[in-house]
Amino acid sequence: YLNKDELYPGTRDFRMSYELLEEFTRQYIQYQ
């Protein structure tokens, strides 16, 4: 997985945002 940064050229910050974390959590629970 180390070379997967090549999928996102120019990206320096790979931290998931809290906004996206919330959206994912909501949808993931909703559709289970």
PDB file of all heavy atoms in Angstrom:
ATOM      1  N   TYR A   1       0.792  -1.226   0.000  1.00  0.00           N
ATOM      2  CA  TYR A   1       0.000   0.000   0.000  1.00  0.00           C
ATOM      3  C   TYR A   1       0.833   1.288   0.000  1.00  0.00           C
ATOM      4  O   TYR A   1       0.297   2.368  -0.244  1.00  0.00           O
ATOM      5  CB  TYR A   1      -0.956   0.009   1.193  1.00  0.00           C
ATOM      6  CG  TYR A   1      -2.274   0.660   0.853  1.00  0.00           C
ATOM      7  CD1 TYR A   1      -3.253  -0.043   0.164  1.00  0.00           C
ATOM      8  CD2 TYR A   1      -2.540   1.973   1.181  1.00  0.00           C
ATOM      9  CE1 TYR A   1      -4.455   0.551  -0.184  1.00  0.00           C
ATOM     10  CE2 TYR A   1      -3.741   2.583   0.837  1.00  0.00           C
ATOM     11  CZ  TYR A   1      -4.689   1.868   0.157  1.00  0.00           C
ATOM     12  OH  TYR A   1      -5.880   2.464  -0.199  1.00  0.00           O
ATOM     13  N   LEU A   2       2.119   1.203   0.265  1.00  0.00           N
ATOM     14  CA  LEU A   2       2.933   2.410   0.371  1.00  0.00           C
ATOM     15  C   LEU A   2       2.910   3.248  -0.902  1.00  0.00           C
ATOM     16  O   LEU A   2       2.966   4.474  -0.850  1.00  0.00           O
ATOM     17  CB  LEU A   2       4.378   2.045   0.721  1.00  0.00           C
ATOM     18  CG  LEU A   2       4.657   1.629   2.174  1.00  0.00           C
ATOM     19  CD1 LEU A   2       6.114   1.244   2.332  1.00  0.00           C
ATOM     20  CD2 LEU A   2       4.300   2.753   3.138  1.00  0.00           C
ATOM     21  N   ASN A   3       2.848   2.603  -2.070  1.00  0.00           N
ATOM     22  CA  ASN A   3       2.920   3.357  -3.326  1.00  0.00           C
ATOM     23  C   ASN A   3       1.568   3.898  -3.773  1.00  0.00           C
ATOM     24  O   ASN A   3       1.465   4.462  -4.866  1.00  0.00           O
ATOM     25  CB  ASN A   3       3.530   2.505  -4.433  1.00  0.00           C
ATOM     26  CG  ASN A   3       2.682   1.287  -4.774  1.00  0.00           C
ATOM     27  OD1 ASN A   3       1.680   1.001  -4.114  1.00  0.00           O
ATOM     28  ND2 ASN A   3       3.074   0.553  -5.816  1.00  0.00           N
ATOM     29  N   LYS A   4       0.523   3.737  -2.966  1.00  0.00           N
ATOM     30  CA  LYS A   4      -0.788   4.249  -3.362  1.00  0.00           C
ATOM     31  C   LYS A   4      -0.844   5.768  -3.357  1.00  0.00           C
ATOM     32  O   LYS A   4      -1.814   6.346  -3.862  1.00  0.00           O
ATOM     33  CB  LYS A   4      -1.888   3.679  -2.459  1.00  0.00           C
ATOM     34  CG  LYS A   4      -2.027   2.165  -2.523  1.00  0.00           C
ATOM     35  CD  LYS A   4      -2.284   1.670  -3.936  1.00  0.00           C
ATOM     36  CE  LYS A   4      -2.391   0.152  -3.977  1.00  0.00           C
ATOM     37  NZ  LYS A   4      -2.551  -0.363  -5.366  1.00  0.00           N
ATOM     38  N   ASP A   5       0.179   6.421  -2.840  1.00  0.00           N
ATOM     39  CA  ASP A   5       0.218   7.874  -2.921  1.00  0.00           C
ATOM     40  C   ASP A   5       0.301   8.341  -4.369  1.00  0.00           C
ATOM     41  O   ASP A   5      -0.051   9.480  -4.688  1.00  0.00           O
ATOM     42  CB  ASP A   5       1.373   8.450  -2.096  1.00  0.00           C
ATOM     43  CG  ASP A   5       2.742   7.935  -2.556  1.00  0.00           C
ATOM     44  OD1 ASP A   5       2.812   6.988  -3.380  1.00  0.00           O
ATOM     45  OD2 ASP A   5       3.762   8.475  -2.078  1.00  0.00           O
ATOM     46  N   GLU A   6       0.745   7.436  -5.270  1.00  0.00           N
ATOM     47  CA  GLU A   6       0.816   7.766  -6.686  1.00  0.00           C
ATOM     48  C   GLU A   6      -0.568   8.013  -7.293  1.00  0.00           C
ATOM     49  O   GLU A   6      -0.684   8.641  -8.349  1.00  0.00           O
ATOM     50  CB  GLU A   6       1.533   6.648  -7.440  1.00  0.00           C
ATOM     51  CG  GLU A   6       2.980   6.438  -7.004  1.00  0.00           C
ATOM     52  CD  GLU A   6       3.614   5.227  -7.639  1.00  0.00           C
ATOM     53  OE1 GLU A   6       2.906   4.518  -8.398  1.00  0.00           O
ATOM     54  OE2 GLU A   6       4.799   4.942  -7.351  1.00  0.00           O
ATOM     55  N   LEU A   7      -1.612   7.505  -6.638  1.00  0.00           N
ATOM     56  CA  LEU A   7      -2.973   7.734  -7.113  1.00  0.00           C
ATOM     57  C   LEU A   7      -3.414   9.172  -6.893  1.00  0.00           C
ATOM     58  O   LEU A   7      -4.380   9.621  -7.510  1.00  0.00           O
ATOM     59  CB  LEU A   7      -3.947   6.787  -6.401  1.00  0.00           C
ATOM     60  CG  LEU A   7      -3.781   5.288  -6.667  1.00  0.00           C
ATOM     61  CD1 LEU A   7      -4.698   4.491  -5.750  1.00  0.00           C
ATOM     62  CD2 LEU A   7      -4.084   4.973  -8.123  1.00  0.00           C
ATOM     63  N   TYR A   8      -2.712   9.855  -5.998  1.00  0.00           N
ATOM     64  CA  TYR A   8      -3.111  11.214  -5.628  1.00  0.00           C
ATOM     65  C   TYR A   8      -1.913  12.156  -5.735  1.00  0.00           C
ATOM     66  O   TYR A   8      -1.405  12.650  -4.721  1.00  0.00           O
ATOM     67  CB  TYR A   8      -3.704  11.214  -4.217  1.00  0.00           C
ATOM     68  CG  TYR A   8      -4.876  10.264  -4.092  1.00  0.00           C
ATOM     69  CD1 TYR A   8      -4.712   8.981  -3.584  1.00  0.00           C
ATOM     70  CD2 TYR A   8      -6.136  10.648  -4.528  1.00  0.00           C
ATOM     71  CE1 TYR A   8      -5.779   8.096  -3.515  1.00  0.00           C
ATOM     72  CE2 TYR A   8      -7.215   9.776  -4.451  1.00  0.00           C
ATOM     73  CZ  TYR A   8      -7.031   8.497  -3.943  1.00  0.00           C
ATOM     74  OH  TYR A   8      -8.104   7.628  -3.868  1.00  0.00           O
ATOM     75  N   PRO A   9      -1.416  12.387  -6.941  1.00  0.00           N
ATOM     76  CA  PRO A   9      -0.237  13.241  -7.125  1.00  0.00           C
ATOM     77  C   PRO A   9      -0.484  14.647  -6.605  1.00  0.00           C
ATOM     78  O   PRO A   9      -1.551  15.231  -6.798  1.00  0.00           O
ATOM     79  CB  PRO A   9      -0.033  13.235  -8.647  1.00  0.00           C
ATOM     80  CG  PRO A   9      -1.367  12.858  -9.221  1.00  0.00           C
ATOM     81  CD  PRO A   9      -1.973  11.917  -8.231  1.00  0.00           C
ATOM     82  N   GLY A  10       0.499  15.158  -5.913  1.00  0.00           N
ATOM     83  CA  GLY A  10       0.398  16.504  -5.360  1.00  0.00           C
ATOM     84  C   GLY A  10      -0.227  16.570  -3.985  1.00  0.00           C
ATOM     85  O   GLY A  10      -0.210  17.626  -3.345  1.00  0.00           O
ATOM     86  N   THR A  11      -0.781  15.456  -3.514  1.00  0.00           N
ATOM     87  CA  THR A  11      -1.408  15.442  -2.192  1.00  0.00           C
ATOM     88  C   THR A  11      -0.340  15.326  -1.112  1.00  0.00           C
ATOM     89  O   THR A  11       0.494  14.420  -1.145  1.00  0.00           O
ATOM     90  CB  THR A  11      -2.406  14.276  -2.055  1.00  0.00           C
ATOM     91  OG1 THR A  11      -3.417  14.418  -3.053  1.00  0.00           O
ATOM     92  CG2 THR A  11      -3.052  14.269  -0.682  1.00  0.00           C
ATOM     93  N   ARG A  12      -0.367  16.226  -0.171  1.00  0.00           N
ATOM     94  CA  ARG A  12       0.571  16.181   0.947  1.00  0.00           C
ATOM     95  C   ARG A  12      -0.104  15.747   2.244  1.00  0.00           C
ATOM     96  O   ARG A  12       0.517  15.098   3.085  1.00  0.00           O
ATOM     97  CB  ARG A  12       1.227  17.545   1.140  1.00  0.00           C
ATOM     98  CG  ARG A  12       2.133  17.968  -0.024  1.00  0.00           C
ATOM     99  CD  ARG A  12       2.857  19.264   0.279  1.00  0.00           C
ATOM    100  NE  ARG A  12       3.775  19.634  -0.792  1.00  0.00           N
ATOM    101  CZ  ARG A  12       4.552  20.711  -0.764  1.00  0.00           C
ATOM    102  NH1 ARG A  12       4.506  21.525   0.302  1.00  0.00           N
ATOM    103  NH2 ARG A  12       5.352  20.977  -1.781  1.00  0.00           N
ATOM    104  N   ASP A  13      -1.342  16.114   2.388  1.00  0.00           N
ATOM    105  CA  ASP A  13      -2.089  15.788   3.601  1.00  0.00           C
ATOM    106  C   ASP A  13      -3.112  14.697   3.282  1.00  0.00           C
ATOM    107  O   ASP A  13      -4.088  14.940   2.595  1.00  0.00           O
ATOM    108  CB  ASP A  13      -2.790  17.028   4.151  1.00  0.00           C
ATOM    109  CG  ASP A  13      -3.490  16.756   5.485  1.00  0.00           C
ATOM    110  OD1 ASP A  13      -3.309  15.634   6.034  1.00  0.00           O
ATOM    111  OD2 ASP A  13      -4.207  17.645   5.981  1.00  0.00           O
ATOM    112  N   PHE A  14      -2.865  13.489   3.786  1.00  0.00           N
ATOM    113  CA  PHE A  14      -3.765  12.378   3.530  1.00  0.00           C
ATOM    114  C   PHE A  14      -4.741  12.151   4.689  1.00  0.00           C
ATOM    115  O   PHE A  14      -5.419  11.135   4.725  1.00  0.00           O
ATOM    116  CB  PHE A  14      -2.956  11.092   3.282  1.00  0.00           C
ATOM    117  CG  PHE A  14      -2.371  11.006   1.896  1.00  0.00           C
ATOM    118  CD1 PHE A  14      -1.153  11.590   1.604  1.00  0.00           C
ATOM    119  CD2 PHE A  14      -3.044  10.341   0.883  1.00  0.00           C
ATOM    120  CE1 PHE A  14      -0.604  11.514   0.339  1.00  0.00           C
ATOM    121  CE2 PHE A  14      -2.503  10.256  -0.386  1.00  0.00           C
ATOM    122  CZ  PHE A  14      -1.276  10.846  -0.667  1.00  0.00           C
ATOM    123  N   ARG A  15      -4.799  13.067   5.626  1.00  0.00           N
ATOM    124  CA  ARG A  15      -5.719  12.930   6.742  1.00  0.00           C
ATOM    125  C   ARG A  15      -7.165  13.082   6.270  1.00  0.00           C
ATOM    126  O   ARG A  15      -7.515  14.050   5.591  1.00  0.00           O
ATOM    127  CB  ARG A  15      -5.447  13.967   7.828  1.00  0.00           C
ATOM    128  CG  ARG A  15      -4.140  13.796   8.571  1.00  0.00           C
ATOM    129  CD  ARG A  15      -3.996  14.924   9.595  1.00  0.00           C
ATOM    130  NE  ARG A  15      -5.084  14.892  10.568  1.00  0.00           N
ATOM    131  CZ  ARG A  15      -5.042  14.240  11.726  1.00  0.00           C
ATOM    132  NH1 ARG A  15      -3.938  13.594  12.060  1.00  0.00           N
ATOM    133  NH2 ARG A  15      -6.067  14.269  12.561  1.00  0.00           N
ATOM    134  N   MET A  16      -7.998  12.139   6.661  1.00  0.00           N
ATOM    135  CA  MET A  16      -9.420  12.273   6.378  1.00  0.00           C
ATOM    136  C   MET A  16      -9.995  13.411   7.199  1.00  0.00           C
ATOM    137  O   MET A  16      -9.748  13.524   8.398  1.00  0.00           O
ATOM    138  CB  MET A  16     -10.154  10.967   6.712  1.00  0.00           C
ATOM    139  CG  MET A  16     -11.659  11.005   6.459  1.00  0.00           C
ATOM    140  SD  MET A  16     -12.480   9.432   6.836  1.00  0.00           S
ATOM    141  CE  MET A  16     -11.905   8.451   5.435  1.00  0.00           C
ATOM    142  N   SER A  17     -10.768  14.260   6.559  1.00  0.00           N
ATOM    143  CA  SER A  17     -11.378  15.377   7.266  1.00  0.00           C
ATOM    144  C   SER A  17     -12.493  14.885   8.181  1.00  0.00           C
ATOM    145  O   SER A  17     -13.116  13.845   7.929  1.00  0.00           O
ATOM    146  CB  SER A  17     -11.941  16.390   6.273  1.00  0.00           C
ATOM    147  OG  SER A  17     -13.079  15.858   5.598  1.00  0.00           O
ATOM    148  N   TYR A  18     -12.763  15.632   9.235  1.00  0.00           N
ATOM    149  CA  TYR A  18     -13.864  15.287  10.132  1.00  0.00           C
ATOM    150  C   TYR A  18     -15.201  15.362   9.405  1.00  0.00           C
ATOM    151  O   TYR A  18     -16.131  14.600   9.695  1.00  0.00           O
ATOM    152  CB  TYR A  18     -13.863  16.212  11.346  1.00  0.00           C
ATOM    153  CG  TYR A  18     -12.821  15.858  12.388  1.00  0.00           C
ATOM    154  CD1 TYR A  18     -12.188  16.846  13.122  1.00  0.00           C
ATOM    155  CD2 TYR A  18     -12.475  14.540  12.643  1.00  0.00           C
ATOM    156  CE1 TYR A  18     -11.228  16.533  14.075  1.00  0.00           C
ATOM    157  CE2 TYR A  18     -11.524  14.205  13.590  1.00  0.00           C
ATOM    158  CZ  TYR A  18     -10.909  15.206  14.294  1.00  0.00           C
ATOM    159  OH  TYR A  18      -9.959  14.890  15.242  1.00  0.00           O
ATOM    160  N   GLU A  19     -15.301  16.274   8.460  1.00  0.00           N
ATOM    161  CA  GLU A  19     -16.543  16.391   7.682  1.00  0.00           C
ATOM    162  C   GLU A  19     -16.808  15.121   6.890  1.00  0.00           C
ATOM    163  O   GLU A  19     -17.931  14.602   6.861  1.00  0.00           O
ATOM    164  CB  GLU A  19     -16.443  17.608   6.757  1.00  0.00           C
ATOM    165  CG  GLU A  19     -17.628  17.794   5.813  1.00  0.00           C
ATOM    166  CD  GLU A  19     -17.409  17.160   4.452  1.00  0.00           C
ATOM    167  OE1 GLU A  19     -16.238  17.077   4.005  1.00  0.00           O
ATOM    168  OE2 GLU A  19     -18.416  16.709   3.839  1.00  0.00           O
ATOM    169  N   LEU A  20     -15.761  14.590   6.220  1.00  0.00           N
ATOM    170  CA  LEU A  20     -15.924  13.364   5.454  1.00  0.00           C
ATOM    171  C   LEU A  20     -16.152  12.172   6.384  1.00  0.00           C
ATOM    172  O   LEU A  20     -16.956  11.285   6.086  1.00  0.00           O
ATOM    173  CB  LEU A  20     -14.703  13.112   4.572  1.00  0.00           C
ATOM    174  CG  LEU A  20     -14.757  11.835   3.719  1.00  0.00           C
ATOM    175  CD1 LEU A  20     -15.942  11.879   2.760  1.00  0.00           C
ATOM    176  CD2 LEU A  20     -13.454  11.630   2.959  1.00  0.00           C
ATOM    177  N   LEU A  21     -15.440  12.136   7.505  1.00  0.00           N
ATOM    178  CA  LEU A  21     -15.637  11.071   8.485  1.00  0.00           C
ATOM    179  C   LEU A  21     -17.095  11.007   8.925  1.00  0.00           C
ATOM    180  O   LEU A  21     -17.679   9.923   9.015  1.00  0.00           O
ATOM    181  CB  LEU A  21     -14.734  11.287   9.697  1.00  0.00           C
ATOM    182  CG  LEU A  21     -14.909  10.307  10.862  1.00  0.00           C
ATOM    183  CD1 LEU A  21     -14.555   8.883  10.441  1.00  0.00           C
ATOM    184  CD2 LEU A  21     -14.060  10.739  12.058  1.00  0.00           C
ATOM    185  N   GLU A  22     -17.691  12.174   9.177  1.00  0.00           N
ATOM    186  CA  GLU A  22     -19.096  12.206   9.601  1.00  0.00           C
ATOM    187  C   GLU A  22     -20.020  11.710   8.488  1.00  0.00           C
ATOM    188  O   GLU A  22     -20.940  10.933   8.748  1.00  0.00           O
ATOM    189  CB  GLU A  22     -19.486  13.621  10.033  1.00  0.00           C
ATOM    190  CG  GLU A  22     -20.938  13.737  10.485  1.00  0.00           C
ATOM    191  CD  GLU A  22     -21.255  14.997  11.240  1.00  0.00           C
ATOM    192  OE1 GLU A  22     -20.337  15.833  11.420  1.00  0.00           O
ATOM    193  OE2 GLU A  22     -22.411  15.159  11.702  1.00  0.00           O
ATOM    194  N   GLU A  23     -19.757  12.146   7.266  1.00  0.00           N
ATOM    195  CA  GLU A  23     -20.604  11.717   6.147  1.00  0.00           C
ATOM    196  C   GLU A  23     -20.506  10.212   5.925  1.00  0.00           C
ATOM    197  O   GLU A  23     -21.512   9.538   5.702  1.00  0.00           O
ATOM    198  CB  GLU A  23     -20.216  12.472   4.877  1.00  0.00           C
ATOM    199  CG  GLU A  23     -21.031  12.104   3.644  1.00  0.00           C
ATOM    200  CD  GLU A  23     -22.506  12.415   3.798  1.00  0.00           C
ATOM    201  OE1 GLU A  23     -22.879  13.235   4.673  1.00  0.00           O
ATOM    202  OE2 GLU A  23     -23.308  11.816   3.044  1.00  0.00           O
ATOM    203  N   PHE A  24     -19.297   9.685   5.984  1.00  0.00           N
ATOM    204  CA  PHE A  24     -19.124   8.242   5.828  1.00  0.00           C
ATOM    205  C   PHE A  24     -19.841   7.477   6.938  1.00  0.00           C
ATOM    206  O   PHE A  24     -20.543   6.500   6.681  1.00  0.00           O
ATOM    207  CB  PHE A  24     -17.646   7.866   5.820  1.00  0.00           C
ATOM    208  CG  PHE A  24     -17.422   6.387   6.002  1.00  0.00           C
ATOM    209  CD1 PHE A  24     -17.711   5.500   4.984  1.00  0.00           C
ATOM    210  CD2 PHE A  24     -16.969   5.882   7.219  1.00  0.00           C
ATOM    211  CE1 PHE A  24     -17.532   4.132   5.156  1.00  0.00           C
ATOM    212  CE2 PHE A  24     -16.791   4.511   7.397  1.00  0.00           C
ATOM    213  CZ  PHE A  24     -17.071   3.640   6.364  1.00  0.00           C
ATOM    214  N   THR A  25     -19.643   7.899   8.175  1.00  0.00           N
ATOM    215  CA  THR A  25     -20.249   7.205   9.302  1.00  0.00           C
ATOM    216  C   THR A  25     -21.769   7.183   9.181  1.00  0.00           C
ATOM    217  O   THR A  25     -22.413   6.154   9.399  1.00  0.00           O
ATOM    218  CB  THR A  25     -19.837   7.859  10.633  1.00  0.00           C
ATOM    219  OG1 THR A  25     -18.407   7.931  10.716  1.00  0.00           O
ATOM    220  CG2 THR A  25     -20.370   7.078  11.817  1.00  0.00           C
ATOM    221  N   ARG A  26     -22.331   8.316   8.809  1.00  0.00           N
ATOM    222  CA  ARG A  26     -23.789   8.400   8.644  1.00  0.00           C
ATOM    223  C   ARG A  26     -24.287   7.430   7.585  1.00  0.00           C
ATOM    224  O   ARG A  26     -25.211   6.656   7.815  1.00  0.00           O
ATOM    225  CB  ARG A  26     -24.189   9.834   8.283  1.00  0.00           C
ATOM    226  CG  ARG A  26     -25.698  10.042   8.143  1.00  0.00           C
ATOM    227  CD  ARG A  26     -26.028  11.424   7.597  1.00  0.00           C
ATOM    228  NE  ARG A  26     -25.575  11.600   6.216  1.00  0.00           N
ATOM    229  CZ  ARG A  26     -26.227  11.135   5.158  1.00  0.00           C
ATOM    230  NH1 ARG A  26     -27.352  10.449   5.306  1.00  0.00           N
ATOM    231  NH2 ARG A  26     -25.741  11.352   3.941  1.00  0.00           N
ATOM    232  N   GLN A  27     -23.648   7.463   6.417  1.00  0.00           N
ATOM    233  CA  GLN A  27     -24.099   6.602   5.324  1.00  0.00           C
ATOM    234  C   GLN A  27     -23.848   5.123   5.625  1.00  0.00           C
ATOM    235  O   GLN A  27     -24.697   4.273   5.340  1.00  0.00           O
ATOM    236  CB  GLN A  27     -23.384   6.988   4.021  1.00  0.00           C
ATOM    237  CG  GLN A  27     -23.806   8.322   3.432  1.00  0.00           C
ATOM    238  CD  GLN A  27     -23.384   8.440   1.981  1.00  0.00           C
ATOM    239  OE1 GLN A  27     -23.523   7.504   1.185  1.00  0.00           O
ATOM    240  NE2 GLN A  27     -22.844   9.600   1.626  1.00  0.00           N
ATOM    241  N   TYR A  28     -22.703   4.840   6.176  1.00  0.00           N
ATOM    242  CA  TYR A  28     -22.336   3.444   6.437  1.00  0.00           C
ATOM    243  C   TYR A  28     -23.338   2.795   7.394  1.00  0.00           C
ATOM    244  O   TYR A  28     -23.759   1.651   7.182  1.00  0.00           O
ATOM    245  CB  TYR A  28     -20.932   3.385   7.022  1.00  0.00           C
ATOM    246  CG  TYR A  28     -20.327   1.991   7.078  1.00  0.00           C
ATOM    247  CD1 TYR A  28     -20.157   1.239   5.921  1.00  0.00           C
ATOM    248  CD2 TYR A  28     -19.907   1.448   8.284  1.00  0.00           C
ATOM    249  CE1 TYR A  28     -19.584  -0.028   5.975  1.00  0.00           C
ATOM    250  CE2 TYR A  28     -19.327   0.190   8.345  1.00  0.00           C
ATOM    251  CZ  TYR A  28     -19.178  -0.546   7.194  1.00  0.00           C
ATOM    252  OH  TYR A  28     -18.613  -1.807   7.250  1.00  0.00           O
ATOM    253  N   ILE A  29     -23.727   3.502   8.418  1.00  0.00           N
ATOM    254  CA  ILE A  29     -24.719   2.981   9.355  1.00  0.00           C
ATOM    255  C   ILE A  29     -26.096   2.924   8.697  1.00  0.00           C
ATOM    256  O   ILE A  29     -26.836   1.942   8.839  1.00  0.00           O
ATOM    257  CB  ILE A  29     -24.755   3.845  10.631  1.00  0.00           C
ATOM    258  CG1 ILE A  29     -23.444   3.675  11.419  1.00  0.00           C
ATOM    259  CG2 ILE A  29     -25.956   3.480  11.506  1.00  0.00           C
ATOM    260  CD1 ILE A  29     -23.308   4.602  12.609  1.00  0.00           C
ATOM    261  N   GLN A  30     -26.440   3.967   7.955  1.00  0.00           N
ATOM    262  CA  GLN A  30     -27.760   4.059   7.333  1.00  0.00           C
ATOM    263  C   GLN A  30     -28.062   2.885   6.414  1.00  0.00           C
ATOM    264  O   GLN A  30     -29.204   2.392   6.381  1.00  0.00           O
ATOM    265  CB  GLN A  30     -27.863   5.360   6.537  1.00  0.00           C
ATOM    266  CG  GLN A  30     -29.186   5.553   5.800  1.00  0.00           C
ATOM    267  CD  GLN A  30     -29.204   6.829   4.962  1.00  0.00           C
ATOM    268  OE1 GLN A  30     -28.260   7.643   5.023  1.00  0.00           O
ATOM    269  NE2 GLN A  30     -30.260   7.014   4.192  1.00  0.00           N
ATOM    270  N   TYR A  31     -27.038   2.403   5.698  1.00  0.00           N
ATOM    271  CA  TYR A  31     -27.276   1.388   4.686  1.00  0.00           C
ATOM    272  C   TYR A  31     -26.955  -0.029   5.139  1.00  0.00           C
ATOM    273  O   TYR A  31     -26.953  -0.959   4.337  1.00  0.00           O
ATOM    274  CB  TYR A  31     -26.496   1.735   3.422  1.00  0.00           C
ATOM    275  CG  TYR A  31     -26.922   3.052   2.810  1.00  0.00           C
ATOM    276  CD1 TYR A  31     -25.993   4.056   2.536  1.00  0.00           C
ATOM    277  CD2 TYR A  31     -28.256   3.306   2.522  1.00  0.00           C
ATOM    278  CE1 TYR A  31     -26.384   5.264   1.978  1.00  0.00           C
ATOM    279  CE2 TYR A  31     -28.662   4.520   1.976  1.00  0.00           C
ATOM    280  CZ  TYR A  31     -27.719   5.495   1.708  1.00  0.00           C
ATOM    281  OH  TYR A  31     -28.112   6.699   1.152  1.00  0.00           O
ATOM    282  N   GLN A  32     -26.672  -0.223   6.403  1.00  0.00           N
ATOM    283  CA  GLN A  32     -26.461  -1.555   6.939  1.00  0.00           C
ATOM    284  C   GLN A  32     -27.785  -2.113   7.458  1.00  0.00           C
ATOM    285  O   GLN A  32     -28.625  -1.365   7.955  1.00  0.00           O
ATOM    286  CB  GLN A  32     -25.435  -1.536   8.075  1.00  0.00           C
ATOM    287  CG  GLN A  32     -24.029  -1.124   7.656  1.00  0.00           C
ATOM    288  CD  GLN A  32     -23.280  -2.214   6.917  1.00  0.00           C
ATOM    289  OE1 GLN A  32     -23.737  -3.350   6.834  1.00  0.00           O
ATOM    290  NE2 GLN A  32     -22.096  -1.880   6.397  1.00  0.00           N
TER     291      GLN A  32
END
